[in-house]
């Protein structure tokens, strides 16, 4: 009898992490101090000798744009010559994408070594949690990935790290770290079951990352959430720099991206420094008005670091923003026909996607493959998308149990006046349906609704004949 194949150290590490409590794969994501315990995360980092205290941290929260803004800040710091860590979530293809240094994911063997270092610590914490009354549990999947990121950045002797909040801010595992600058990119409706049903409630959760005396950069423009962020900043004695009051931008989008790669251009200005010459013609590799807003917030954050004494040249910052590659953000992965991947997963990001497509693409026909995640405003997204595409194919991603059933998507579509849609059981069937319908080389095929559908369709596309 053949003995079972031995798992590679990397696969064994992945299997270990996936055995932990993982709210990213829960059908209903809880949110409260019983599940998200900052004390547990602090305990874990103390047992690791606080790797988060070995480098300055830029901490980024927001409903949308926090991943892109984090990537922009990180790319700019790397271009300025700083060894820079970047922690983001979720990943598209490999878990190691969550912890990058200077744009490169953590190598698999190093990742496996960090997990081995964590195992005895986690076992001890599990045992202590089980003895409590009532019994609780040890570190979760996301807490462990946060710890791995910080371990990796410390091992690589990073000069700085950019940490993207996973969910909310106040109770997120990243919020145990002391930031040099905190950032809130935007506030809109998402995760309302967890964060609240009003923009003020959501803003209060995001503003939980504001620390006493630590400057906060805010790209938030809505009146209601701005008031909340201003109040929390004042309570903590934190300097606040706000879009529309202290900085702003204008944007010229790239055109005809279905034919050739091109950069948009941003003009950035400091309203609070009228004598300062604006930064004109900053080239952005990521298309879309929403990415220009993210870039403006990133530039204001880099200004704050300069104010704190960091030596960051404008030429290097410009280079970092122009050269950044950030997958699944209006990402063109093929031309003739043009294929675009985008991870938009709430109504605000769907609106941003539609605007970017209108600004920068002029196809003969538009096709959409759409799958999304439970506990989102699914109806709002479907109703925004149907009028904007010639043909929509609803499907369900298969690599995470939180996918919305196809029947739910089609029921919403049935309730509208649009009949330009059909269903496919899974992403492969959706791609086959597109192929059978025969788009022309001048058409555009967009895949959107979730990071999970973007990741799964990328693999299908890359494996095509």
Foldseek 3Di string as FASTA:
>chain_A
DDDDDDDDLLVVLVVVLVVFADQVQDLDRAADCQVQPLVLLVVLCVVVVNLLPLAAEEEEEEPPLRQLLQLLLQLLVVLQVFFEWEADDDDQADRQCRIDTNNHGDDSVLSSVLSVVCVVVQVVQQVVQVPDVVRGGHDHSQSSSVVSNSVVCSVVSTNYYYYYFDPQDLRTNVLVHDHQEYEYQEFDDDLCVHQHDDSCSSLLSNLNSDAAQHAYEYLYDDPNSVVNNVVSCVVRVYHYAYEPQFKYKDKQFAAAVLVDQDWIFIWIDTPNCVVDDIDGGLTARQGFPSSNSSVNSSVVVVVVVVVVPDDRDPVSSSVSRNPDDDPQRQDFPDAQPTEGGHADAALVSLVRVLRRCVRYHDFPFEEEEEKAFPPYPLLNSLVVVQVSGQAYEYEWEDPHVRIDASVVNVVSVVVDPGDRYYYAHYLVRVVVVVVVVPDGSRYYYYYYNHSRRSSVNVVVVVPDD
